[in-house]
Amino acid sequence: MKPRVAPPVPAPSDEQETRLREAKAQIATLVHCQTERRRRFVAHVASKLQRINAPVVLVVEDDERLAVWFAEVVEHMRATPRVCGNGLQALAIAQAEPIDFFLIDLNLPGIDGIELAERIRASSRLPLSPILFVSGEIPRETLERIATLAGANGYIHKPVSEADLQREVQRLLPMSSTGP
């Protein structure tokens, strides 16, 4: 018996070749999209894991523009910012979740920054969390005395540069029990 020989395969037409090229391009695009989605997902999960162990900084500032800027600076320092606009909200947040560091404007609606700091120091949960006062309305010498009397660990005067804010937060954050 003679072996069977397959009939020759006809060459694909131009239309078939075009469809084949389009299908290959679609497959390559799908693979790229899946790889990109996977890469973004892994980056997202890694970011979440870093934040689990990141210190939490409560920014208490009634000027929304400044509060957002403070939060951005804190986030660049690999800490997790929480933001609120008054002292009563700050107390509620601090009672509900652990706070490692307080960045407090002195002139707040409701209870001011001084009373907020005194209440934080009187709390059994938060007495060791560092407090940094921020103010632009009080002379530096007076601000220093107020910070000391209210139990704050430091102060900075507005306008604040990013470098000054980072330096003070880095100086004080190791004082917190869960700092980096």
N, C-alpha and C. Protein backbone atom coordinates (compact mmCIF):
# COMPACT_ATOMS: atom_id res chain seq x y z
N MET A 1 0.80 -1.17 0.00
CA MET A 1 0.00 0.00 0.00
C MET A 1 0.86 1.25 0.00
N LYS A 2 0.34 2.15 -0.72
CA LYS A 2 1.03 3.43 -0.80
C LYS A 2 0.57 4.33 0.34
N PRO A 3 1.51 5.08 0.92
CA PRO A 3 1.09 6.02 1.97
C PRO A 3 0.21 7.12 1.39
N ARG A 4 -0.71 7.53 2.26
CA ARG A 4 -1.63 8.60 1.82
C ARG A 4 -0.90 9.94 1.91
N VAL A 5 -1.06 10.70 0.91
CA VAL A 5 -0.47 12.03 0.86
C VAL A 5 -1.60 13.03 0.93
N ALA A 6 -1.43 13.97 1.84
CA ALA A 6 -2.47 14.99 2.00
C ALA A 6 -2.44 15.90 0.79
N PRO A 7 -3.61 16.31 0.40
CA PRO A 7 -3.64 17.22 -0.75
C PRO A 7 -3.00 18.55 -0.34
N PRO A 8 -2.41 19.24 -1.24
CA PRO A 8 -1.78 20.51 -0.92
C PRO A 8 -2.82 21.52 -0.40
N VAL A 9 -2.37 22.31 0.58
CA VAL A 9 -3.25 23.32 1.15
C VAL A 9 -3.17 24.56 0.27
N PRO A 10 -4.33 25.04 -0.11
CA PRO A 10 -4.28 26.24 -0.98
C PRO A 10 -3.79 27.45 -0.18
N ALA A 11 -3.11 28.31 -0.83
CA ALA A 11 -2.60 29.54 -0.20
C ALA A 11 -3.79 30.40 0.19
N PRO A 12 -3.68 31.06 1.39
CA PRO A 12 -4.81 31.91 1.80
C PRO A 12 -4.98 33.11 0.86
N SER A 13 -6.19 33.50 0.72
CA SER A 13 -6.47 34.65 -0.13
C SER A 13 -6.03 35.92 0.61
N ASP A 14 -5.99 37.02 -0.10
CA ASP A 14 -5.63 38.30 0.51
C ASP A 14 -6.60 38.65 1.64
N GLU A 15 -7.86 38.37 1.44
CA GLU A 15 -8.86 38.67 2.47
C GLU A 15 -8.62 37.81 3.72
N GLN A 16 -8.31 36.55 3.52
CA GLN A 16 -8.03 35.66 4.66
C GLN A 16 -6.77 36.12 5.41
N GLU A 17 -5.76 36.50 4.68
CA GLU A 17 -4.53 36.97 5.32
C GLU A 17 -4.78 38.25 6.12
N THR A 18 -5.59 39.13 5.60
CA THR A 18 -5.93 40.36 6.32
C THR A 18 -6.68 40.03 7.60
N ARG A 19 -7.65 39.11 7.51
CA ARG A 19 -8.40 38.72 8.71
C ARG A 19 -7.49 38.06 9.74
N LEU A 20 -6.55 37.25 9.26
CA LEU A 20 -5.62 36.58 10.16
C LEU A 20 -4.73 37.62 10.86
N ARG A 21 -4.22 38.58 10.11
CA ARG A 21 -3.42 39.65 10.71
C ARG A 21 -4.23 40.43 11.74
N GLU A 22 -5.49 40.76 11.44
CA GLU A 22 -6.36 41.48 12.37
C GLU A 22 -6.61 40.67 13.63
N ALA A 23 -6.84 39.37 13.46
CA ALA A 23 -7.07 38.50 14.63
C ALA A 23 -5.82 38.44 15.50
N LYS A 24 -4.65 38.33 14.90
CA LYS A 24 -3.41 38.30 15.67
C LYS A 24 -3.21 39.62 16.41
N ALA A 25 -3.54 40.72 15.76
CA ALA A 25 -3.40 42.03 16.41
C ALA A 25 -4.36 42.15 17.59
N GLN A 26 -5.60 41.65 17.43
CA GLN A 26 -6.57 41.68 18.52
C GLN A 26 -6.09 40.83 19.70
N ILE A 27 -5.53 39.67 19.41
CA ILE A 27 -5.02 38.79 20.47
C ILE A 27 -3.87 39.49 21.20
N ALA A 28 -2.97 40.09 20.45
CA ALA A 28 -1.85 40.80 21.07
C ALA A 28 -2.34 41.95 21.95
N THR A 29 -3.37 42.67 21.48
CA THR A 29 -3.94 43.76 22.28
C THR A 29 -4.57 43.22 23.55
N LEU A 30 -5.32 42.12 23.46
CA LEU A 30 -5.93 41.52 24.64
C LEU A 30 -4.87 41.09 25.65
N VAL A 31 -3.81 40.46 25.17
CA VAL A 31 -2.74 40.01 26.06
C VAL A 31 -2.08 41.22 26.73
N HIS A 32 -1.84 42.27 25.95
CA HIS A 32 -1.24 43.47 26.52
C HIS A 32 -2.16 44.09 27.58
N CYS A 33 -3.46 44.18 27.27
CA CYS A 33 -4.42 44.75 28.23
C CYS A 33 -4.46 43.94 29.51
N GLN A 34 -4.48 42.62 29.37
CA GLN A 34 -4.51 41.77 30.56
C GLN A 34 -3.23 41.95 31.37
N THR A 35 -2.10 42.05 30.71
CA THR A 35 -0.83 42.25 31.41
C THR A 35 -0.82 43.60 32.10
N GLU A 36 -1.32 44.63 31.42
CA GLU A 36 -1.37 45.97 32.02
C GLU A 36 -2.32 46.00 33.20
N ARG A 37 -3.49 45.35 33.07
CA ARG A 37 -4.44 45.28 34.19
C ARG A 37 -3.82 44.55 35.36
N ARG A 38 -3.13 43.47 35.08
CA ARG A 38 -2.48 42.69 36.14
C ARG A 38 -1.41 43.53 36.83
N ARG A 39 -0.62 44.27 36.04
CA ARG A 39 0.42 45.13 36.61
C ARG A 39 -0.20 46.19 37.50
N ARG A 40 -1.29 46.83 37.04
CA ARG A 40 -1.96 47.85 37.84
C ARG A 40 -2.56 47.26 39.11
N PHE A 41 -3.12 46.08 39.01
CA PHE A 41 -3.71 45.42 40.18
C PHE A 41 -2.62 45.11 41.22
N VAL A 42 -1.50 44.59 40.77
CA VAL A 42 -0.40 44.27 41.69
C VAL A 42 0.12 45.56 42.36
N ALA A 43 0.24 46.64 41.60
CA ALA A 43 0.68 47.92 42.17
C ALA A 43 -0.33 48.43 43.19
N HIS A 44 -1.61 48.26 42.88
CA HIS A 44 -2.68 48.70 43.80
C HIS A 44 -2.61 47.91 45.11
N VAL A 45 -2.46 46.61 45.02
CA VAL A 45 -2.39 45.77 46.22
C VAL A 45 -1.14 46.11 47.03
N ALA A 46 -0.02 46.31 46.35
CA ALA A 46 1.22 46.67 47.06
C ALA A 46 1.05 47.99 47.79
N SER A 47 0.39 48.94 47.15
CA SER A 47 0.13 50.23 47.79
C SER A 47 -0.74 50.06 49.04
N LYS A 48 -1.77 49.24 48.94
CA LYS A 48 -2.65 48.99 50.09
C LYS A 48 -1.87 48.33 51.22
N LEU A 49 -1.01 47.38 50.90
CA LEU A 49 -0.23 46.70 51.93
C LEU A 49 0.72 47.68 52.63
N GLN A 50 1.33 48.59 51.87
CA GLN A 50 2.22 49.57 52.48
C GLN A 50 1.45 50.45 53.46
N ARG A 51 0.21 50.80 53.09
CA ARG A 51 -0.58 51.69 53.94
C ARG A 51 -1.09 50.99 55.20
N ILE A 52 -1.17 49.67 55.17
CA ILE A 52 -1.62 48.96 56.37
C ILE A 52 -0.67 49.24 57.52
N ASN A 53 0.62 49.27 57.24
CA ASN A 53 1.62 49.50 58.28
C ASN A 53 2.05 50.95 58.40
N ALA A 54 1.50 51.82 57.57
CA ALA A 54 1.90 53.22 57.58
C ALA A 54 1.30 53.93 58.78
N PRO A 55 2.04 54.86 59.37
CA PRO A 55 1.48 55.65 60.47
C PRO A 55 0.33 56.51 59.97
N VAL A 56 -0.65 56.73 60.83
CA VAL A 56 -1.82 57.53 60.47
C VAL A 56 -1.63 58.93 61.06
N VAL A 57 -1.71 59.93 60.18
CA VAL A 57 -1.56 61.32 60.58
C VAL A 57 -2.92 62.01 60.41
N LEU A 58 -3.43 62.54 61.51
CA LEU A 58 -4.70 63.28 61.46
C LEU A 58 -4.40 64.76 61.25
N VAL A 59 -4.80 65.27 60.10
CA VAL A 59 -4.64 66.68 59.75
C VAL A 59 -5.93 67.39 60.14
N VAL A 60 -5.81 68.33 61.07
CA VAL A 60 -6.98 69.08 61.54
C VAL A 60 -6.79 70.52 61.09
N GLU A 61 -7.45 70.88 60.00
CA GLU A 61 -7.25 72.19 59.37
C GLU A 61 -8.57 72.61 58.73
N ASP A 62 -9.05 73.82 59.05
CA ASP A 62 -10.33 74.27 58.50
C ASP A 62 -10.20 74.91 57.11
N ASP A 63 -9.00 75.27 56.70
CA ASP A 63 -8.78 75.79 55.35
C ASP A 63 -8.61 74.57 54.43
N GLU A 64 -9.62 74.33 53.61
CA GLU A 64 -9.64 73.11 52.80
C GLU A 64 -8.43 72.99 51.88
N ARG A 65 -8.02 74.10 51.29
CA ARG A 65 -6.86 74.08 50.39
C ARG A 65 -5.61 73.64 51.14
N LEU A 66 -5.39 74.20 52.33
CA LEU A 66 -4.23 73.82 53.13
C LEU A 66 -4.33 72.38 53.63
N ALA A 67 -5.53 71.98 54.01
CA ALA A 67 -5.72 70.61 54.50
C ALA A 67 -5.34 69.60 53.42
N VAL A 68 -5.75 69.86 52.19
CA VAL A 68 -5.41 68.96 51.08
C VAL A 68 -3.90 68.95 50.86
N TRP A 69 -3.27 70.13 50.92
CA TRP A 69 -1.82 70.20 50.72
C TRP A 69 -1.09 69.45 51.84
N PHE A 70 -1.49 69.67 53.10
CA PHE A 70 -0.88 68.95 54.22
C PHE A 70 -1.01 67.44 54.00
N ALA A 71 -2.20 67.00 53.60
CA ALA A 71 -2.44 65.56 53.39
C ALA A 71 -1.54 65.02 52.28
N GLU A 72 -1.36 65.79 51.22
CA GLU A 72 -0.49 65.35 50.12
C GLU A 72 0.96 65.20 50.59
N VAL A 73 1.42 66.16 51.37
CA VAL A 73 2.80 66.09 51.89
C VAL A 73 2.95 64.86 52.78
N VAL A 74 1.98 64.64 53.65
CA VAL A 74 2.01 63.48 54.55
C VAL A 74 2.01 62.18 53.75
N GLU A 75 1.20 62.13 52.70
CA GLU A 75 1.12 60.93 51.88
C GLU A 75 2.44 60.67 51.16
N HIS A 76 3.10 61.74 50.70
CA HIS A 76 4.42 61.58 50.06
C HIS A 76 5.45 61.03 51.03
N MET A 77 5.19 61.19 52.31
CA MET A 77 6.09 60.69 53.34
C MET A 77 5.74 59.24 53.72
N ARG A 78 4.86 58.63 52.95
CA ARG A 78 4.42 57.24 53.16
C ARG A 78 3.68 57.05 54.47
N ALA A 79 2.94 58.07 54.84
CA ALA A 79 2.03 57.96 55.98
C ALA A 79 0.61 58.05 55.42
N THR A 80 -0.34 57.65 56.22
CA THR A 80 -1.73 57.69 55.79
C THR A 80 -2.40 58.92 56.40
N PRO A 81 -2.78 59.88 55.55
CA PRO A 81 -3.43 61.06 56.10
C PRO A 81 -4.93 60.84 56.32
N ARG A 82 -5.44 61.41 57.39
CA ARG A 82 -6.88 61.54 57.65
C ARG A 82 -7.09 63.02 57.82
N VAL A 83 -8.14 63.57 57.27
CA VAL A 83 -8.34 65.02 57.29
C VAL A 83 -9.70 65.35 57.87
N CYS A 84 -9.73 66.37 58.72
CA CYS A 84 -11.01 66.91 59.19
C CYS A 84 -10.86 68.41 59.39
N GLY A 85 -11.99 69.10 59.50
CA GLY A 85 -11.97 70.55 59.51
C GLY A 85 -12.22 71.21 60.85
N ASN A 86 -12.46 70.42 61.91
CA ASN A 86 -12.66 71.04 63.21
C ASN A 86 -12.28 70.09 64.34
N GLY A 87 -12.17 70.64 65.54
CA GLY A 87 -11.71 69.88 66.69
C GLY A 87 -12.65 68.77 67.12
N LEU A 88 -13.95 69.00 67.01
CA LEU A 88 -14.92 67.96 67.41
C LEU A 88 -14.83 66.74 66.50
N GLN A 89 -14.70 66.99 65.20
CA GLN A 89 -14.51 65.87 64.26
C GLN A 89 -13.22 65.13 64.58
N ALA A 90 -12.18 65.86 64.91
CA ALA A 90 -10.88 65.25 65.23
C ALA A 90 -11.01 64.33 66.43
N LEU A 91 -11.71 64.78 67.46
CA LEU A 91 -11.90 63.93 68.65
C LEU A 91 -12.67 62.67 68.30
N ALA A 92 -13.71 62.80 67.48
CA ALA A 92 -14.50 61.64 67.09
C ALA A 92 -13.66 60.64 66.31
N ILE A 93 -12.84 61.12 65.39
CA ILE A 93 -11.97 60.23 64.61
C ILE A 93 -10.95 59.56 65.52
N ALA A 94 -10.34 60.35 66.41
CA ALA A 94 -9.31 59.80 67.30
C ALA A 94 -9.88 58.76 68.26
N GLN A 95 -11.14 58.88 68.61
CA GLN A 95 -11.76 57.89 69.49
C GLN A 95 -12.14 56.63 68.72
N ALA A 96 -12.35 56.77 67.41
CA ALA A 96 -12.81 55.63 66.60
C ALA A 96 -11.67 54.82 66.00
N GLU A 97 -10.53 55.43 65.80
CA GLU A 97 -9.42 54.71 65.16
C GLU A 97 -8.08 55.19 65.71
N PRO A 98 -7.06 54.36 65.61
CA PRO A 98 -5.75 54.77 66.15
C PRO A 98 -5.12 55.88 65.30
N ILE A 99 -4.63 56.89 65.97
CA ILE A 99 -3.95 58.00 65.30
C ILE A 99 -2.53 58.05 65.86
N ASP A 100 -1.56 58.10 64.95
CA ASP A 100 -0.16 58.10 65.36
C ASP A 100 0.44 59.49 65.49
N PHE A 101 -0.21 60.47 64.87
CA PHE A 101 0.37 61.82 64.83
C PHE A 101 -0.76 62.81 64.55
N PHE A 102 -0.72 63.96 65.22
CA PHE A 102 -1.71 65.01 65.00
C PHE A 102 -1.03 66.25 64.44
N LEU A 103 -1.57 66.78 63.36
CA LEU A 103 -1.14 68.05 62.78
C LEU A 103 -2.34 68.98 62.93
N ILE A 104 -2.25 69.95 63.85
CA ILE A 104 -3.42 70.72 64.26
C ILE A 104 -3.23 72.21 64.05
N ASP A 105 -4.16 72.81 63.33
CA ASP A 105 -4.23 74.27 63.23
C ASP A 105 -4.76 74.80 64.55
N LEU A 106 -4.24 75.91 65.02
CA LEU A 106 -4.70 76.46 66.30
C LEU A 106 -6.07 77.10 66.21
N ASN A 107 -6.35 77.78 65.13
CA ASN A 107 -7.60 78.52 65.00
C ASN A 107 -8.63 77.65 64.26
N LEU A 108 -9.42 76.91 65.02
CA LEU A 108 -10.42 76.00 64.44
C LEU A 108 -11.82 76.41 64.88
N PRO A 109 -12.82 76.10 64.08
CA PRO A 109 -14.19 76.33 64.53
C PRO A 109 -14.56 75.31 65.62
N GLY A 110 -15.46 75.69 66.50
CA GLY A 110 -15.83 74.80 67.60
C GLY A 110 -14.75 74.88 68.67
N ILE A 111 -14.16 73.77 68.99
CA ILE A 111 -13.06 73.81 69.96
C ILE A 111 -11.77 74.12 69.20
N ASP A 112 -10.96 74.99 69.75
CA ASP A 112 -9.73 75.38 69.06
C ASP A 112 -8.64 74.33 69.23
N GLY A 113 -7.51 74.56 68.58
CA GLY A 113 -6.41 73.60 68.62
C GLY A 113 -5.84 73.37 70.00
N ILE A 114 -5.85 74.41 70.84
CA ILE A 114 -5.31 74.27 72.19
C ILE A 114 -6.17 73.31 73.01
N GLU A 115 -7.49 73.54 72.99
CA GLU A 115 -8.38 72.65 73.73
C GLU A 115 -8.34 71.23 73.17
N LEU A 116 -8.24 71.12 71.86
CA LEU A 116 -8.14 69.79 71.24
C LEU A 116 -6.89 69.07 71.75
N ALA A 117 -5.76 69.76 71.79
CA ALA A 117 -4.52 69.15 72.27
C ALA A 117 -4.66 68.73 73.73
N GLU A 118 -5.28 69.57 74.54
CA GLU A 118 -5.47 69.23 75.95
C GLU A 118 -6.35 68.00 76.11
N ARG A 119 -7.39 67.88 75.29
CA ARG A 119 -8.27 66.70 75.36
C ARG A 119 -7.54 65.45 74.88
N ILE A 120 -6.70 65.61 73.88
CA ILE A 120 -5.92 64.46 73.39
C ILE A 120 -4.98 63.99 74.51
N ARG A 121 -4.31 64.92 75.16
CA ARG A 121 -3.38 64.56 76.24
C ARG A 121 -4.11 63.94 77.42
N ALA A 122 -5.36 64.33 77.64
CA ALA A 122 -6.13 63.78 78.76
C ALA A 122 -6.71 62.40 78.43
N SER A 123 -6.73 62.04 77.17
CA SER A 123 -7.28 60.75 76.75
C SER A 123 -6.35 59.61 77.13
N SER A 124 -6.92 58.54 77.59
CA SER A 124 -6.09 57.38 77.96
C SER A 124 -5.55 56.67 76.72
N ARG A 125 -6.20 56.86 75.58
CA ARG A 125 -5.78 56.18 74.34
C ARG A 125 -4.68 56.92 73.59
N LEU A 126 -4.61 58.23 73.73
CA LEU A 126 -3.75 59.02 72.85
C LEU A 126 -2.67 59.86 73.52
N PRO A 127 -2.33 59.66 74.76
CA PRO A 127 -1.44 60.62 75.42
C PRO A 127 -0.04 60.69 74.80
N LEU A 128 0.40 59.67 74.09
CA LEU A 128 1.77 59.66 73.57
C LEU A 128 1.86 60.04 72.09
N SER A 129 0.73 60.20 71.42
CA SER A 129 0.77 60.58 70.00
C SER A 129 1.30 61.99 69.87
N PRO A 130 2.32 62.20 69.04
CA PRO A 130 2.88 63.55 68.88
C PRO A 130 1.85 64.53 68.32
N ILE A 131 1.97 65.76 68.75
CA ILE A 131 1.10 66.85 68.28
C ILE A 131 1.99 67.96 67.73
N LEU A 132 1.68 68.39 66.52
CA LEU A 132 2.38 69.50 65.89
C LEU A 132 1.36 70.60 65.61
N PHE A 133 1.55 71.77 66.21
CA PHE A 133 0.66 72.91 65.97
C PHE A 133 1.11 73.65 64.72
N VAL A 134 0.12 74.21 64.02
CA VAL A 134 0.37 75.04 62.85
C VAL A 134 -0.44 76.32 63.04
N SER A 135 0.22 77.47 62.86
CA SER A 135 -0.51 78.73 62.96
C SER A 135 0.24 79.82 62.23
N GLY A 136 -0.52 80.74 61.69
CA GLY A 136 0.08 81.90 61.04
C GLY A 136 -0.37 83.19 61.68
N GLU A 137 -1.27 83.09 62.64
CA GLU A 137 -1.88 84.28 63.24
C GLU A 137 -1.25 84.66 64.57
N ILE A 138 -0.43 83.80 65.13
CA ILE A 138 0.15 84.03 66.45
C ILE A 138 1.65 84.19 66.27
N PRO A 139 2.25 85.19 66.95
CA PRO A 139 3.71 85.36 66.85
C PRO A 139 4.44 84.08 67.29
N ARG A 140 5.59 83.84 66.69
CA ARG A 140 6.35 82.61 66.95
C ARG A 140 6.62 82.37 68.44
N GLU A 141 7.02 83.43 69.17
CA GLU A 141 7.35 83.26 70.59
C GLU A 141 6.12 82.82 71.38
N THR A 142 4.98 83.42 71.08
CA THR A 142 3.73 83.06 71.75
C THR A 142 3.32 81.65 71.36
N LEU A 143 3.49 81.32 70.10
CA LEU A 143 3.14 79.98 69.62
C LEU A 143 3.97 78.92 70.34
N GLU A 144 5.23 79.20 70.56
CA GLU A 144 6.10 78.25 71.27
C GLU A 144 5.60 78.03 72.70
N ARG A 145 5.24 79.10 73.38
CA ARG A 145 4.72 78.97 74.75
C ARG A 145 3.40 78.21 74.78
N ILE A 146 2.53 78.54 73.84
CA ILE A 146 1.22 77.86 73.77
C ILE A 146 1.42 76.37 73.53
N ALA A 147 2.30 76.03 72.60
CA ALA A 147 2.56 74.62 72.29
C ALA A 147 3.04 73.88 73.53
N THR A 148 3.95 74.48 74.25
CA THR A 148 4.49 73.85 75.46
C THR A 148 3.40 73.66 76.51
N LEU A 149 2.61 74.71 76.76
CA LEU A 149 1.57 74.64 77.78
C LEU A 149 0.45 73.66 77.42
N ALA A 150 0.15 73.54 76.14
CA ALA A 150 -0.95 72.66 75.71
C ALA A 150 -0.50 71.21 75.56
N GLY A 151 0.78 70.96 75.70
CA GLY A 151 1.28 69.59 75.59
C GLY A 151 1.65 69.17 74.18
N ALA A 152 1.79 70.14 73.28
CA ALA A 152 2.21 69.81 71.91
C ALA A 152 3.71 69.54 71.89
N ASN A 153 4.14 68.78 70.92
CA ASN A 153 5.55 68.43 70.79
C ASN A 153 6.32 69.40 69.91
N GLY A 154 5.59 70.23 69.18
CA GLY A 154 6.26 71.17 68.31
C GLY A 154 5.26 72.08 67.64
N TYR A 155 5.78 73.00 66.84
CA TYR A 155 4.93 73.94 66.13
C TYR A 155 5.66 74.38 64.88
N ILE A 156 4.88 74.82 63.90
CA ILE A 156 5.43 75.47 62.72
C ILE A 156 4.54 76.66 62.40
N HIS A 157 5.15 77.66 61.85
CA HIS A 157 4.45 78.91 61.58
C HIS A 157 4.11 78.97 60.09
N LYS A 158 2.88 79.37 59.77
CA LYS A 158 2.47 79.56 58.37
C LYS A 158 3.04 80.88 57.88
N PRO A 159 3.39 80.98 56.64
CA PRO A 159 3.31 79.94 55.62
C PRO A 159 4.37 78.85 55.84
N VAL A 160 3.99 77.63 55.54
CA VAL A 160 4.84 76.47 55.79
C VAL A 160 5.41 75.96 54.47
N SER A 161 6.69 75.69 54.44
CA SER A 161 7.27 75.08 53.25
C SER A 161 7.14 73.56 53.38
N GLU A 162 7.14 72.90 52.26
CA GLU A 162 7.06 71.43 52.28
C GLU A 162 8.23 70.84 53.05
N ALA A 163 9.42 71.39 52.85
CA ALA A 163 10.62 70.88 53.54
C ALA A 163 10.49 71.03 55.05
N ASP A 164 9.99 72.19 55.51
CA ASP A 164 9.83 72.40 56.96
C ASP A 164 8.81 71.43 57.54
N LEU A 165 7.70 71.25 56.84
CA LEU A 165 6.67 70.33 57.32
C LEU A 165 7.22 68.90 57.39
N GLN A 166 7.89 68.47 56.34
CA GLN A 166 8.46 67.12 56.34
C GLN A 166 9.48 66.94 57.47
N ARG A 167 10.32 67.94 57.66
CA ARG A 167 11.34 67.85 58.70
C ARG A 167 10.70 67.70 60.09
N GLU A 168 9.68 68.49 60.38
CA GLU A 168 9.03 68.42 61.69
C GLU A 168 8.28 67.11 61.89
N VAL A 169 7.59 66.66 60.85
CA VAL A 169 6.87 65.39 60.96
C VAL A 169 7.86 64.25 61.16
N GLN A 170 8.94 64.24 60.40
CA GLN A 170 9.95 63.19 60.55
C GLN A 170 10.61 63.24 61.92
N ARG A 171 10.80 64.42 62.44
CA ARG A 171 11.41 64.57 63.76
C ARG A 171 10.50 64.02 64.85
N LEU A 172 9.21 64.25 64.72
CA LEU A 172 8.27 63.88 65.77
C LEU A 172 7.65 62.50 65.60
N LEU A 173 7.53 62.02 64.38
CA LEU A 173 6.82 60.75 64.16
C LEU A 173 7.47 59.57 64.86
N PRO A 174 8.79 59.47 64.97
CA PRO A 174 9.37 58.34 65.71
C PRO A 174 8.94 58.31 67.17
N MET A 175 8.43 59.42 67.70
CA MET A 175 7.96 59.43 69.08
C MET A 175 6.68 58.61 69.25
N SER A 176 5.97 58.43 68.14
CA SER A 176 4.72 57.67 68.22
C SER A 176 5.05 56.20 68.35
N SER A 177 4.20 55.45 68.98
CA SER A 177 4.46 54.03 69.24
C SER A 177 4.46 53.19 67.97
N THR A 178 3.82 53.67 66.88
CA THR A 178 3.75 52.89 65.66
C THR A 178 4.40 53.62 64.49
N GLY A 179 5.27 54.55 64.76
CA GLY A 179 5.93 55.30 63.70
C GLY A 179 6.81 54.43 62.83
N PRO A 180 7.27 54.95 61.66
CA PRO A 180 8.05 54.15 60.73
C PRO A 180 9.41 53.75 61.28
